[in-house]
PDB file of N, CA and C in Angstrom:
ATOM      1  N   MET A   1     -12.148  -5.487   5.154  1.00  0.00           N
ATOM      2  CA  MET A   1     -11.330  -4.482   5.969  1.00  0.00           C
ATOM      3  C   MET A   1     -10.487  -5.034   7.067  1.00  0.00           C
ATOM      4  N   ILE A   2      -9.069  -4.598   6.851  1.00  0.00           N
ATOM      5  CA  ILE A   2      -8.100  -5.101   7.568  1.00  0.00           C
ATOM      6  C   ILE A   2      -7.871  -4.375   8.897  1.00  0.00           C
ATOM      7  N   ASP A   3      -7.461  -4.817  10.064  1.00  0.00           N
ATOM      8  CA  ASP A   3      -7.117  -3.953  11.218  1.00  0.00           C
ATOM      9  C   ASP A   3      -5.569  -3.456  11.067  1.00  0.00           C
ATOM     10  N   LEU A   4      -5.219  -2.955  12.103  1.00  0.00           N
ATOM     11  CA  LEU A   4      -3.945  -2.238  12.267  1.00  0.00           C
ATOM     12  C   LEU A   4      -2.888  -3.361  12.173  1.00  0.00           C
ATOM     13  N   GLU A   5      -2.859  -4.485  12.914  1.00  0.00           N
ATOM     14  CA  GLU A   5      -1.773  -5.394  13.112  1.00  0.00           C
ATOM     15  C   GLU A   5      -1.757  -6.220  11.717  1.00  0.00           C
ATOM     16  N   GLN A   6      -2.829  -6.345  10.871  1.00  0.00           N
ATOM     17  CA  GLN A   6      -2.647  -7.034   9.811  1.00  0.00           C
ATOM     18  C   GLN A   6      -2.208  -6.166   8.729  1.00  0.00           C
ATOM     19  N   ALA A   7      -2.297  -4.950   8.644  1.00  0.00           N
ATOM     20  CA  ALA A   7      -1.842  -3.678   7.868  1.00  0.00           C
ATOM     21  C   ALA A   7      -0.381  -3.643   8.126  1.00  0.00           C
ATOM     22  N   GLN A   8       0.191  -3.904   9.350  1.00  0.00           N
ATOM     23  CA  GLN A   8       1.580  -3.595   9.656  1.00  0.00           C
ATOM     24  C   GLN A   8       2.410  -5.116   9.334  1.00  0.00           C
ATOM     25  N   GLU A   9       1.593  -6.047   9.391  1.00  0.00           N
ATOM     26  CA  GLU A   9       2.383  -7.224   9.179  1.00  0.00           C
ATOM     27  C   GLU A   9       2.670  -7.295   7.611  1.00  0.00           C
ATOM     28  N   LEU A  10       1.611  -6.818   6.731  1.00  0.00           N
ATOM     29  CA  LEU A  10       1.548  -6.915   5.311  1.00  0.00           C
ATOM     30  C   LEU A  10       2.739  -6.019   4.902  1.00  0.00           C
ATOM     31  N   MET A  11       2.848  -4.942   5.588  1.00  0.00           N
ATOM     32  CA  MET A  11       3.856  -3.962   4.860  1.00  0.00           C
ATOM     33  C   MET A  11       5.203  -4.308   5.489  1.00  0.00           C
ATOM     34  N   THR A  12       5.154  -4.744   6.591  1.00  0.00           N
ATOM     35  CA  THR A  12       6.561  -5.539   7.012  1.00  0.00           C
ATOM     36  C   THR A  12       7.165  -6.174   6.132  1.00  0.00           C
ATOM     37  N   LYS A  13       6.333  -7.427   5.803  1.00  0.00           N
ATOM     38  CA  LYS A  13       6.784  -8.393   4.747  1.00  0.00           C
ATOM     39  C   LYS A  13       6.968  -7.799   3.529  1.00  0.00           C
ATOM     40  N   TYR A  14       6.492  -6.906   2.883  1.00  0.00           N
ATOM     41  CA  TYR A  14       6.819  -6.146   1.801  1.00  0.00           C
ATOM     42  C   TYR A  14       8.003  -5.295   1.893  1.00  0.00           C
ATOM     43  N   VAL A  15       8.416  -4.907   2.900  1.00  0.00           N
ATOM     44  CA  VAL A  15       9.642  -4.191   3.016  1.00  0.00           C
ATOM     45  C   VAL A  15      10.764  -5.204   2.985  1.00  0.00           C
ATOM     46  N   GLN A  16      10.656  -6.230   3.816  1.00  0.00           N
ATOM     47  CA  GLN A  16      11.426  -7.449   3.820  1.00  0.00           C
ATOM     48  C   GLN A  16      12.019  -7.826   2.268  1.00  0.00           C
ATOM     49  N   PHE A  17      10.799  -8.047   1.505  1.00  0.00           N
ATOM     50  CA  PHE A  17      10.937  -8.200   0.110  1.00  0.00           C
ATOM     51  C   PHE A  17      11.826  -7.393  -0.759  1.00  0.00           C
ATOM     52  N   ARG A  18      11.299  -6.033  -0.506  1.00  0.00           N
ATOM     53  CA  ARG A  18      12.124  -4.905  -1.110  1.00  0.00           C
ATOM     54  C   ARG A  18      13.617  -4.744  -0.617  1.00  0.00           C
ATOM     55  N   GLU A  19      13.949  -4.843   0.542  1.00  0.00           N
ATOM     56  CA  GLU A  19      15.116  -4.759   1.068  1.00  0.00           C
ATOM     57  C   GLU A  19      16.043  -5.930   0.543  1.00  0.00           C
ATOM     58  N   ALA A  20      15.339  -7.299   0.389  1.00  0.00           N
ATOM     59  CA  ALA A  20      16.105  -8.509   0.038  1.00  0.00           C
ATOM     60  C   ALA A  20      16.396  -8.162  -1.322  1.00  0.00           C
ATOM     61  N   TYR A  21      15.524  -7.674  -2.260  1.00  0.00           N
ATOM     62  CA  TYR A  21      15.776  -7.511  -3.496  1.00  0.00           C
ATOM     63  C   TYR A  21      16.822  -6.442  -3.909  1.00  0.00           C
ATOM     64  N   ASN A  22      16.706  -5.391  -3.201  1.00  0.00           N
ATOM     65  CA  ASN A  22      17.633  -4.284  -3.373  1.00  0.00           C
ATOM     66  C   ASN A  22      19.131  -4.784  -2.912  1.00  0.00           C
ATOM     67  N   ASN A  23      19.275  -5.697  -2.127  1.00  0.00           N
ATOM     68  CA  ASN A  23      20.462  -6.119  -1.713  1.00  0.00           C
ATOM     69  C   ASN A  23      20.937  -7.197  -2.809  1.00  0.00           C
ATOM     70  N   THR A  24      20.303  -7.985  -3.315  1.00  0.00           N
ATOM     71  CA  THR A  24      20.676  -9.124  -4.092  1.00  0.00           C
ATOM     72  C   THR A  24      20.299  -9.032  -5.627  1.00  0.00           C
ATOM     73  N   LYS A  25      19.201  -8.210  -5.914  1.00  0.00           N
ATOM     74  CA  LYS A  25      18.621  -8.238  -7.364  1.00  0.00           C
ATOM     75  C   LYS A  25      18.538  -9.451  -7.940  1.00  0.00           C
ATOM     76  N   ASP A  26      17.769 -10.487  -7.138  1.00  0.00           N
ATOM     77  CA  ASP A  26      17.487 -11.583  -7.632  1.00  0.00           C
ATOM     78  C   ASP A  26      16.093 -11.641  -8.136  1.00  0.00           C
ATOM     79  N   PRO A  27      15.924 -12.377  -9.346  1.00  0.00           N
ATOM     80  CA  PRO A  27      14.825 -12.045 -10.115  1.00  0.00           C
ATOM     81  C   PRO A  27      13.667 -12.911  -9.392  1.00  0.00           C
ATOM     82  N   ILE A  28      13.919 -14.065  -8.693  1.00  0.00           N
ATOM     83  CA  ILE A  28      12.939 -14.939  -7.842  1.00  0.00           C
ATOM     84  C   ILE A  28      12.375 -13.997  -6.763  1.00  0.00           C
ATOM     85  N   ILE A  29      13.289 -13.254  -6.147  1.00  0.00           N
ATOM     86  CA  ILE A  29      12.857 -12.259  -5.033  1.00  0.00           C
ATOM     87  C   ILE A  29      12.001 -11.037  -5.627  1.00  0.00           C
ATOM     88  N   TYR A  30      12.271 -10.721  -6.847  1.00  0.00           N
ATOM     89  CA  TYR A  30      11.665  -9.631  -7.375  1.00  0.00           C
ATOM     90  C   TYR A  30      10.187  -9.963  -7.727  1.00  0.00           C
ATOM     91  N   LYS A  31      10.048 -11.158  -8.241  1.00  0.00           N
ATOM     92  CA  LYS A  31       8.826 -11.699  -8.489  1.00  0.00           C
ATOM     93  C   LYS A  31       8.032 -11.934  -7.409  1.00  0.00           C
ATOM     94  N   GLN A  32       8.452 -12.463  -6.202  1.00  0.00           N
ATOM     95  CA  GLN A  32       7.814 -12.509  -4.890  1.00  0.00           C
ATOM     96  C   GLN A  32       7.341 -11.212  -4.435  1.00  0.00           C
ATOM     97  N   MET A  33       8.265 -10.216  -4.479  1.00  0.00           N
ATOM     98  CA  MET A  33       7.960  -8.944  -4.153  1.00  0.00           C
ATOM     99  C   MET A  33       6.695  -8.175  -4.907  1.00  0.00           C
ATOM    100  N   LYS A  34       6.815  -8.541  -6.194  1.00  0.00           N
ATOM    101  CA  LYS A  34       5.533  -8.022  -7.124  1.00  0.00           C
ATOM    102  C   LYS A  34       4.421  -8.582  -6.680  1.00  0.00           C
ATOM    103  N   GLN A  35       4.489  -9.843  -6.393  1.00  0.00           N
ATOM    104  CA  GLN A  35       3.225 -10.663  -6.021  1.00  0.00           C
ATOM    105  C   GLN A  35       2.664 -10.129  -4.714  1.00  0.00           C
ATOM    106  N   HIS A  36       3.446 -10.035  -3.718  1.00  0.00           N
ATOM    107  CA  HIS A  36       3.109  -9.577  -2.561  1.00  0.00           C
ATOM    108  C   HIS A  36       2.594  -7.836  -2.438  1.00  0.00           C
ATOM    109  N   GLU A  37       3.242  -7.051  -3.400  1.00  0.00           N
ATOM    110  CA  GLU A  37       2.742  -5.858  -3.764  1.00  0.00           C
ATOM    111  C   GLU A  37       1.439  -5.746  -4.412  1.00  0.00           C
ATOM    112  N   ARG A  38       1.085  -6.719  -5.220  1.00  0.00           N
ATOM    113  CA  ARG A  38      -0.234  -6.967  -5.608  1.00  0.00           C
ATOM    114  C   ARG A  38      -1.207  -7.307  -4.528  1.00  0.00           C
ATOM    115  N   ILE A  39      -0.867  -8.161  -3.624  1.00  0.00           N
ATOM    116  CA  ILE A  39      -1.566  -8.485  -2.576  1.00  0.00           C
ATOM    117  C   ILE A  39      -2.140  -7.348  -1.604  1.00  0.00           C
ATOM    118  N   CYS A  40      -0.972  -6.409  -1.311  1.00  0.00           N
ATOM    119  CA  CYS A  40      -1.160  -5.267  -0.491  1.00  0.00           C
ATOM    120  C   CYS A  40      -2.079  -4.261  -1.093  1.00  0.00           C
ATOM    121  N   ILE A  41      -2.014  -3.991  -2.422  1.00  0.00           N
ATOM    122  CA  ILE A  41      -2.766  -3.071  -3.197  1.00  0.00           C
ATOM    123  C   ILE A  41      -4.158  -3.487  -3.213  1.00  0.00           C
ATOM    124  N   ASP A  42      -4.621  -4.917  -3.263  1.00  0.00           N
ATOM    125  CA  ASP A  42      -5.692  -5.335  -3.324  1.00  0.00           C
ATOM    126  C   ASP A  42      -6.465  -5.332  -1.778  1.00  0.00           C
ATOM    127  N   LYS A  43      -5.692  -5.196  -0.607  1.00  0.00           N
ATOM    128  CA  LYS A  43      -5.936  -5.354   0.732  1.00  0.00           C
ATOM    129  C   LYS A  43      -6.372  -3.683   1.084  1.00  0.00           C
ATOM    130  N   PHE A  44      -5.443  -2.829   0.404  1.00  0.00           N
ATOM    131  CA  PHE A  44      -5.464  -1.377   0.824  1.00  0.00           C
ATOM    132  C   PHE A  44      -6.391  -0.612  -0.108  1.00  0.00           C
ATOM    133  N   LYS A  45      -7.053  -1.134  -1.166  1.00  0.00           N
ATOM    134  CA  LYS A  45      -7.736  -0.639  -2.172  1.00  0.00           C
ATOM    135  C   LYS A  45      -9.000   0.035  -1.568  1.00  0.00           C
ATOM    136  N   TYR A  46      -9.603  -0.550  -0.615  1.00  0.00           N
ATOM    137  CA  TYR A  46     -10.739   0.041   0.114  1.00  0.00           C
ATOM    138  C   TYR A  46     -10.528   1.152   0.657  1.00  0.00           C
ATOM    139  N   LEU A  47      -9.378   1.784   1.017  1.00  0.00           N
ATOM    140  CA  LEU A  47      -9.039   2.997   1.502  1.00  0.00           C
ATOM    141  C   LEU A  47      -9.368   4.091   0.552  1.00  0.00           C
ATOM    142  N   VAL A  48      -8.699   3.871  -0.627  1.00  0.00           N
ATOM    143  CA  VAL A  48      -8.907   4.599  -1.694  1.00  0.00           C
ATOM    144  C   VAL A  48     -10.581   4.734  -1.980  1.00  0.00           C
ATOM    145  N   THR A  49     -11.130   3.693  -2.164  1.00  0.00           N
ATOM    146  CA  THR A  49     -12.482   3.757  -2.461  1.00  0.00           C
ATOM    147  C   THR A  49     -13.322   4.512  -1.268  1.00  0.00           C
ATOM    148  N   MET A  50     -12.945   4.183  -0.152  1.00  0.00           N
ATOM    149  CA  MET A  50     -13.612   4.857   0.953  1.00  0.00           C
ATOM    150  C   MET A  50     -13.627   6.550   0.782  1.00  0.00           C
ATOM    151  N   LYS A  51     -12.414   6.775   0.454  1.00  0.00           N
ATOM    152  CA  LYS A  51     -12.071   8.375   0.431  1.00  0.00           C
ATOM    153  C   LYS A  51     -12.787   9.038  -0.813  1.00  0.00           C
ATOM    154  N   THR A  52     -12.989   8.202  -2.052  1.00  0.00           N
ATOM    155  CA  THR A  52     -13.439   8.652  -3.335  1.00  0.00           C
ATOM    156  C   THR A  52     -15.008   8.595  -3.451  1.00  0.00           C
ATOM    157  N   ASN A  53     -15.546   7.755  -2.575  1.00  0.00           N
ATOM    158  CA  ASN A  53     -16.998   7.645  -2.669  1.00  0.00           C
ATOM    159  C   ASN A  53     -17.809   8.609  -2.812  1.00  0.00           C
ATOM    160  N   ARG A  54     -17.453   9.772  -1.912  1.00  0.00           N
ATOM    161  CA  ARG A  54     -18.179  10.931  -1.798  1.00  0.00           C
ATOM    162  C   ARG A  54     -18.259  11.733  -3.176  1.00  0.00           C
ATOM    163  N   TYR A  55     -17.380  11.191  -4.164  1.00  0.00           N
ATOM    164  CA  TYR A  55     -17.239  12.170  -5.427  1.00  0.00           C
ATOM    165  C   TYR A  55     -17.691  11.198  -6.750  1.00  0.00           C
ATOM    166  N   LYS A  56     -18.596  10.297  -6.259  1.00  0.00           N
ATOM    167  CA  LYS A  56     -19.325   9.332  -7.192  1.00  0.00           C
ATOM    168  C   LYS A  56     -19.911   9.976  -8.329  1.00  0.00           C
ATOM    169  N   THR A  57     -20.666  10.980  -7.979  1.00  0.00           N
ATOM    170  CA  THR A  57     -21.522  11.763  -8.865  1.00  0.00           C
ATOM    171  C   THR A  57     -20.912  12.637  -9.889  1.00  0.00           C
ATOM    172  N   PHE A  58     -19.424  12.878  -9.629  1.00  0.00           N
ATOM    173  CA  PHE A  58     -18.771  13.761 -10.448  1.00  0.00           C
ATOM    174  C   PHE A  58     -18.330  12.869 -11.671  1.00  0.00           C
ATOM    175  N   SER A  59     -18.135  13.585 -12.811  1.00  0.00           N
ATOM    176  CA  SER A  59     -17.676  13.159 -14.234  1.00  0.00           C
ATOM    177  C   SER A  59     -16.210  12.370 -14.115  1.00  0.00           C
ATOM    178  N   ASN A  60     -15.460  12.710 -13.268  1.00  0.00           N
ATOM    179  CA  ASN A  60     -14.191  12.263 -13.300  1.00  0.00           C
ATOM    180  C   ASN A  60     -13.896  11.488 -12.268  1.00  0.00           C
ATOM    181  N   TYR A  61     -14.803  10.717 -11.695  1.00  0.00           N
ATOM    182  CA  TYR A  61     -14.624   9.921 -10.540  1.00  0.00           C
ATOM    183  C   TYR A  61     -13.484   8.871 -10.831  1.00  0.00           C
ATOM    184  N   ASP A  62     -13.669   8.297 -11.905  1.00  0.00           N
ATOM    185  CA  ASP A  62     -12.737   7.167 -12.474  1.00  0.00           C
ATOM    186  C   ASP A  62     -11.266   7.598 -12.501  1.00  0.00           C
ATOM    187  N   ASP A  63     -11.139   8.941 -12.978  1.00  0.00           N
ATOM    188  CA  ASP A  63      -9.734   9.499 -12.872  1.00  0.00           C
ATOM    189  C   ASP A  63      -9.302   9.711 -11.300  1.00  0.00           C
ATOM    190  N   LEU A  64     -10.106  10.106 -10.586  1.00  0.00           N
ATOM    191  CA  LEU A  64      -9.612  10.361  -9.267  1.00  0.00           C
ATOM    192  C   LEU A  64      -9.620   9.081  -8.464  1.00  0.00           C
ATOM    193  N   ASN A  65     -10.327   8.170  -8.756  1.00  0.00           N
ATOM    194  CA  ASN A  65      -9.864   6.619  -8.243  1.00  0.00           C
ATOM    195  C   ASN A  65      -8.447   6.242  -8.684  1.00  0.00           C
ATOM    196  N   GLN A  66      -8.317   6.421 -10.003  1.00  0.00           N
ATOM    197  CA  GLN A  66      -7.015   5.993 -10.554  1.00  0.00           C
ATOM    198  C   GLN A  66      -5.919   6.662  -9.746  1.00  0.00           C
ATOM    199  N   ASP A  67      -6.048   8.124  -9.617  1.00  0.00           N
ATOM    200  CA  ASP A  67      -4.928   8.702  -9.187  1.00  0.00           C
ATOM    201  C   ASP A  67      -4.792   8.265  -7.534  1.00  0.00           C
ATOM    202  N   GLY A  68      -5.930   8.124  -7.046  1.00  0.00           N
ATOM    203  CA  GLY A  68      -5.545   7.531  -5.527  1.00  0.00           C
ATOM    204  C   GLY A  68      -4.865   6.315  -5.621  1.00  0.00           C
ATOM    205  N   LEU A  69      -5.215   5.219  -6.433  1.00  0.00           N
ATOM    206  CA  LEU A  69      -4.441   4.020  -6.464  1.00  0.00           C
ATOM    207  C   LEU A  69      -3.009   4.267  -6.824  1.00  0.00           C
ATOM    208  N   GLU A  70      -2.527   5.235  -7.819  1.00  0.00           N
ATOM    209  CA  GLU A  70      -1.175   5.603  -8.020  1.00  0.00           C
ATOM    210  C   GLU A  70      -0.522   6.075  -6.649  1.00  0.00           C
ATOM    211  N   ALA A  71      -1.348   6.997  -6.017  1.00  0.00           N
ATOM    212  CA  ALA A  71      -0.680   7.579  -4.723  1.00  0.00           C
ATOM    213  C   ALA A  71      -0.467   6.239  -3.673  1.00  0.00           C
ATOM    214  N   LEU A  72      -1.410   5.405  -3.764  1.00  0.00           N
ATOM    215  CA  LEU A  72      -1.265   4.283  -2.731  1.00  0.00           C
ATOM    216  C   LEU A  72       0.127   3.497  -3.205  1.00  0.00           C
ATOM    217  N   ILE A  73       0.293   3.139  -4.413  1.00  0.00           N
ATOM    218  CA  ILE A  73       1.361   2.316  -4.998  1.00  0.00           C
ATOM    219  C   ILE A  73       2.844   3.169  -4.653  1.00  0.00           C
ATOM    220  N   LYS A  74       2.800   4.492  -5.025  1.00  0.00           N
ATOM    221  CA  LYS A  74       3.825   5.329  -4.670  1.00  0.00           C
ATOM    222  C   LYS A  74       4.233   5.283  -3.169  1.00  0.00           C
ATOM    223  N   SER A  75       3.294   5.430  -2.050  1.00  0.00           N
ATOM    224  CA  SER A  75       3.385   5.446  -1.027  1.00  0.00           C
ATOM    225  C   SER A  75       3.807   4.095  -0.348  1.00  0.00           C
ATOM    226  N   MET A  76       3.345   3.016  -0.968  1.00  0.00           N
ATOM    227  CA  MET A  76       3.815   1.653  -0.428  1.00  0.00           C
ATOM    228  C   MET A  76       5.551   1.611  -0.800  1.00  0.00           C
ATOM    229  N   LYS A  77       5.748   2.235  -2.034  1.00  0.00           N
ATOM    230  CA  LYS A  77       7.171   2.110  -2.448  1.00  0.00           C
ATOM    231  C   LYS A  77       8.097   2.842  -1.452  1.00  0.00           C
ATOM    232  N   ASN A  78       7.419   3.834  -0.799  1.00  0.00           N
ATOM    233  CA  ASN A  78       8.281   4.725  -0.106  1.00  0.00           C
ATOM    234  C   ASN A  78       8.258   4.396   1.388  1.00  0.00           C
ATOM    235  N   TYR A  79       7.374   3.793   1.744  1.00  0.00           N
ATOM    236  CA  TYR A  79       7.080   3.417   3.255  1.00  0.00           C
ATOM    237  C   TYR A  79       8.400   2.996   3.925  1.00  0.00           C
ATOM    238  N   ASN A  80       8.419   3.455   5.214  1.00  0.00           N
ATOM    239  CA  ASN A  80       9.667   3.391   5.879  1.00  0.00           C
ATOM    240  C   ASN A  80       8.835   3.046   7.340  1.00  0.00           C
ATOM    241  N   PRO A  81       9.059   1.623   7.734  1.00  0.00           N
ATOM    242  CA  PRO A  81       8.472   1.369   9.213  1.00  0.00           C
ATOM    243  C   PRO A  81       9.130   2.014  10.300  1.00  0.00           C
ATOM    244  N   GLU A  82      10.352   2.382  10.294  1.00  0.00           N
ATOM    245  CA  GLU A  82      10.913   3.194  11.296  1.00  0.00           C
ATOM    246  C   GLU A  82      10.226   4.505  11.604  1.00  0.00           C
ATOM    247  N   LYS A  83       9.324   4.875  10.684  1.00  0.00           N
ATOM    248  CA  LYS A  83       8.967   6.227  10.692  1.00  0.00           C
ATOM    249  C   LYS A  83       7.382   6.437  11.472  1.00  0.00           C
ATOM    250  N   GLY A  84       6.979   4.886  11.381  1.00  0.00           N
ATOM    251  CA  GLY A  84       5.455   4.781  12.000  1.00  0.00           C
ATOM    252  C   GLY A  84       4.581   4.627  10.760  1.00  0.00           C
ATOM    253  N   ILE A  85       3.382   4.505  11.143  1.00  0.00           N
ATOM    254  CA  ILE A  85       2.248   4.217   9.935  1.00  0.00           C
ATOM    255  C   ILE A  85       1.078   5.293  10.278  1.00  0.00           C
ATOM    256  N   PHE A  86       0.548   5.699   9.256  1.00  0.00           N
ATOM    257  CA  PHE A  86      -0.582   6.466   9.158  1.00  0.00           C
ATOM    258  C   PHE A  86      -1.761   5.839   8.728  1.00  0.00           C
ATOM    259  N   PHE A  87      -2.608   5.117   9.702  1.00  0.00           N
ATOM    260  CA  PHE A  87      -3.611   4.319   9.234  1.00  0.00           C
ATOM    261  C   PHE A  87      -4.894   4.624  10.106  1.00  0.00           C
ATOM    262  N   PHE A  88      -6.073   4.254   9.566  1.00  0.00           N
ATOM    263  CA  PHE A  88      -7.331   4.415  10.528  1.00  0.00           C
ATOM    264  C   PHE A  88      -7.489   5.744  11.290  1.00  0.00           C
ATOM    265  N   GLY A  89      -7.140   6.748  10.543  1.00  0.00           N
ATOM    266  CA  GLY A  89      -7.559   8.134  11.144  1.00  0.00           C
ATOM    267  C   GLY A  89      -6.590   8.682  12.008  1.00  0.00           C
ATOM    268  N   GLY A  90      -5.297   7.928  12.456  1.00  0.00           N
ATOM    269  CA  GLY A  90      -4.567   8.515  13.296  1.00  0.00           C
ATOM    270  C   GLY A  90      -3.134   7.974  13.129  1.00  0.00           C
ATOM    271  N   TYR A  91      -2.157   8.660  13.558  1.00  0.00           N
ATOM    272  CA  TYR A  91      -0.726   8.327  13.500  1.00  0.00           C
ATOM    273  C   TYR A  91      -0.334   7.323  14.794  1.00  0.00           C
ATOM    274  N   THR A  92       0.271   6.315  14.215  1.00  0.00           N
ATOM    275  CA  THR A  92       0.648   5.331  15.209  1.00  0.00           C
ATOM    276  C   THR A  92       2.073   4.886  15.179  1.00  0.00           C
ATOM    277  N   ASN A  93       2.918   4.986  15.953  1.00  0.00           N
ATOM    278  CA  ASN A  93       4.282   4.795  15.899  1.00  0.00           C
ATOM    279  C   ASN A  93       4.524   3.567  16.483  1.00  0.00           C
ATOM    280  N   ILE A  94       4.766   2.463  15.598  1.00  0.00           N
ATOM    281  CA  ILE A  94       4.896   1.114  15.990  1.00  0.00           C
ATOM    282  C   ILE A  94       6.351   0.668  15.911  1.00  0.00           C
TER     283      ILE A  94
END
């Protein structure tokens, strides 16, 4: 489990890679961005698991978990640090 500062640091670095790639379209930066994206997904995967654990007895639990991971990836790609973050049960504008 990561704390708020670590989450902010991870996402800030991801946003920097994303903006650098959008400005230059450099394949090396794209590869670094994708590697960091994978790190972020691995670090934030527990949020999806934590929310879907109550539905483990359902037959479509795996589908629910997969949908949650897809939503996580989509939210990472749309993340805007100027709007603040929504982590750990409350809205924090950093």
